[in-house]
Amino acid sequence: TTLLVGAGEMAELAAKNLVDNGVGSLLVVNRSAGRAAGLAKEYGGEALGWDKLS
């Protein structure tokens, strides 16, 4: 399981690389829930809210 913090260009490159190399699962958090959800959906991951990081 990998947690990506952010959903910008670098996070997208990281997500692509992780998925291409067989990451088990991908979790994405971002200030914008919509951007986190979009990135997670594109790479088969799950978007989480900041409140879930405790």
N, C-alpha and C. Protein backbone atom coordinates (compact mmCIF):
# COMPACT_ATOMS: atom_id res chain seq x y z
N THR A 1 0.85 -1.18 0.00
CA THR A 1 0.00 0.00 0.00
C THR A 1 0.89 1.24 0.00
N THR A 2 0.55 2.19 -0.88
CA THR A 2 1.29 3.44 -0.96
C THR A 2 0.33 4.61 -0.79
N LEU A 3 0.72 5.59 0.01
CA LEU A 3 -0.06 6.80 0.22
C LEU A 3 0.59 7.94 -0.54
N LEU A 4 -0.15 8.54 -1.44
CA LEU A 4 0.31 9.75 -2.15
C LEU A 4 -0.34 10.95 -1.49
N VAL A 5 0.46 11.91 -1.09
CA VAL A 5 -0.06 13.15 -0.53
C VAL A 5 0.08 14.21 -1.61
N GLY A 6 -1.04 14.65 -2.12
CA GLY A 6 -1.07 15.58 -3.23
C GLY A 6 -1.61 14.90 -4.48
N ALA A 7 -2.07 15.72 -5.42
CA ALA A 7 -2.65 15.16 -6.65
C ALA A 7 -2.22 15.98 -7.85
N GLY A 8 -1.06 16.60 -7.75
CA GLY A 8 -0.54 17.39 -8.86
C GLY A 8 0.24 16.55 -9.85
N GLU A 9 1.02 17.24 -10.66
CA GLU A 9 1.77 16.58 -11.74
C GLU A 9 2.74 15.52 -11.21
N MET A 10 3.48 15.83 -10.16
CA MET A 10 4.44 14.86 -9.62
C MET A 10 3.74 13.65 -9.01
N ALA A 11 2.61 13.88 -8.35
CA ALA A 11 1.85 12.77 -7.78
C ALA A 11 1.31 11.88 -8.89
N GLU A 12 0.89 12.48 -9.99
CA GLU A 12 0.40 11.69 -11.12
C GLU A 12 1.52 10.84 -11.72
N LEU A 13 2.71 11.42 -11.87
CA LEU A 13 3.85 10.65 -12.37
C LEU A 13 4.20 9.51 -11.41
N ALA A 14 4.15 9.79 -10.12
CA ALA A 14 4.44 8.76 -9.13
C ALA A 14 3.40 7.65 -9.19
N ALA A 15 2.12 8.02 -9.29
CA ALA A 15 1.05 7.03 -9.37
C ALA A 15 1.23 6.13 -10.58
N LYS A 16 1.53 6.72 -11.72
CA LYS A 16 1.73 5.93 -12.94
C LYS A 16 2.88 4.95 -12.76
N ASN A 17 3.99 5.44 -12.21
CA ASN A 17 5.15 4.58 -12.00
C ASN A 17 4.85 3.46 -11.02
N LEU A 18 4.18 3.79 -9.94
CA LEU A 18 3.84 2.78 -8.94
C LEU A 18 2.93 1.70 -9.51
N VAL A 19 1.90 2.11 -10.24
CA VAL A 19 0.98 1.15 -10.84
C VAL A 19 1.69 0.31 -11.89
N ASP A 20 2.50 0.94 -12.71
CA ASP A 20 3.26 0.21 -13.74
C ASP A 20 4.20 -0.83 -13.13
N ASN A 21 4.62 -0.59 -11.89
CA ASN A 21 5.55 -1.50 -11.23
C ASN A 21 4.88 -2.39 -10.19
N GLY A 22 3.55 -2.48 -10.25
CA GLY A 22 2.81 -3.46 -9.46
C GLY A 22 2.52 -3.12 -8.02
N VAL A 23 2.34 -1.85 -7.71
CA VAL A 23 1.98 -1.49 -6.34
C VAL A 23 0.69 -2.21 -5.94
N GLY A 24 0.63 -2.66 -4.69
CA GLY A 24 -0.55 -3.40 -4.24
C GLY A 24 -1.80 -2.55 -4.21
N SER A 25 -1.75 -1.42 -3.54
CA SER A 25 -2.89 -0.51 -3.51
C SER A 25 -2.37 0.92 -3.38
N LEU A 26 -3.19 1.84 -3.85
CA LEU A 26 -2.81 3.25 -3.91
C LEU A 26 -3.86 4.08 -3.20
N LEU A 27 -3.43 4.89 -2.24
CA LEU A 27 -4.30 5.81 -1.52
C LEU A 27 -3.85 7.23 -1.85
N VAL A 28 -4.81 8.12 -2.09
CA VAL A 28 -4.49 9.50 -2.47
C VAL A 28 -5.22 10.47 -1.55
N VAL A 29 -4.48 11.42 -0.98
CA VAL A 29 -5.09 12.53 -0.23
C VAL A 29 -4.62 13.83 -0.85
N ASN A 30 -5.49 14.83 -0.81
CA ASN A 30 -5.17 16.14 -1.38
C ASN A 30 -6.08 17.17 -0.74
N ARG A 31 -5.67 18.44 -0.77
CA ARG A 31 -6.55 19.52 -0.26
C ARG A 31 -7.88 19.51 -0.98
N SER A 32 -7.85 19.25 -2.28
CA SER A 32 -9.07 19.18 -3.08
C SER A 32 -9.51 17.73 -3.20
N ALA A 33 -10.64 17.41 -2.58
CA ALA A 33 -11.14 16.04 -2.62
C ALA A 33 -11.42 15.59 -4.05
N GLY A 34 -11.87 16.52 -4.89
CA GLY A 34 -12.16 16.18 -6.28
C GLY A 34 -10.92 15.76 -7.06
N ARG A 35 -9.83 16.47 -6.84
CA ARG A 35 -8.57 16.10 -7.53
C ARG A 35 -8.04 14.77 -7.02
N ALA A 36 -8.15 14.54 -5.73
CA ALA A 36 -7.72 13.26 -5.16
C ALA A 36 -8.55 12.13 -5.75
N ALA A 37 -9.85 12.33 -5.84
CA ALA A 37 -10.73 11.30 -6.39
C ALA A 37 -10.42 11.04 -7.85
N GLY A 38 -10.15 12.09 -8.61
CA GLY A 38 -9.83 11.93 -10.03
C GLY A 38 -8.55 11.13 -10.24
N LEU A 39 -7.52 11.45 -9.48
CA LEU A 39 -6.25 10.74 -9.61
C LEU A 39 -6.41 9.28 -9.16
N ALA A 40 -7.10 9.08 -8.06
CA ALA A 40 -7.32 7.72 -7.56
C ALA A 40 -8.10 6.89 -8.58
N LYS A 41 -9.12 7.47 -9.16
CA LYS A 41 -9.92 6.75 -10.15
C LYS A 41 -9.09 6.39 -11.38
N GLU A 42 -8.28 7.32 -11.84
CA GLU A 42 -7.47 7.10 -13.04
C GLU A 42 -6.50 5.93 -12.87
N TYR A 43 -6.01 5.74 -11.64
CA TYR A 43 -5.00 4.71 -11.41
C TYR A 43 -5.50 3.57 -10.52
N GLY A 44 -6.81 3.44 -10.37
CA GLY A 44 -7.38 2.31 -9.63
C GLY A 44 -7.14 2.36 -8.14
N GLY A 45 -7.00 3.57 -7.61
CA GLY A 45 -6.75 3.72 -6.18
C GLY A 45 -7.98 4.18 -5.43
N GLU A 46 -7.76 4.67 -4.23
CA GLU A 46 -8.83 5.15 -3.36
C GLU A 46 -8.46 6.53 -2.83
N ALA A 47 -9.40 7.46 -2.89
CA ALA A 47 -9.19 8.80 -2.35
C ALA A 47 -9.62 8.81 -0.89
N LEU A 48 -8.82 9.47 -0.06
CA LEU A 48 -9.13 9.61 1.36
C LEU A 48 -9.17 11.07 1.74
N GLY A 49 -9.98 11.39 2.75
CA GLY A 49 -10.00 12.74 3.30
C GLY A 49 -8.87 12.90 4.31
N TRP A 50 -8.45 14.14 4.55
CA TRP A 50 -7.39 14.41 5.51
C TRP A 50 -7.72 13.82 6.88
N ASP A 51 -9.00 13.79 7.23
CA ASP A 51 -9.41 13.28 8.54
C ASP A 51 -9.11 11.80 8.73
N LYS A 52 -8.86 11.07 7.67
CA LYS A 52 -8.56 9.63 7.75
C LYS A 52 -7.09 9.34 8.03
N LEU A 53 -6.26 10.38 8.13
CA LEU A 53 -4.83 10.19 8.30
C LEU A 53 -4.36 10.17 9.75
N SER A 54 -5.27 10.04 10.67
CA SER A 54 -4.86 10.04 12.09
C SER A 54 -4.33 8.69 12.53
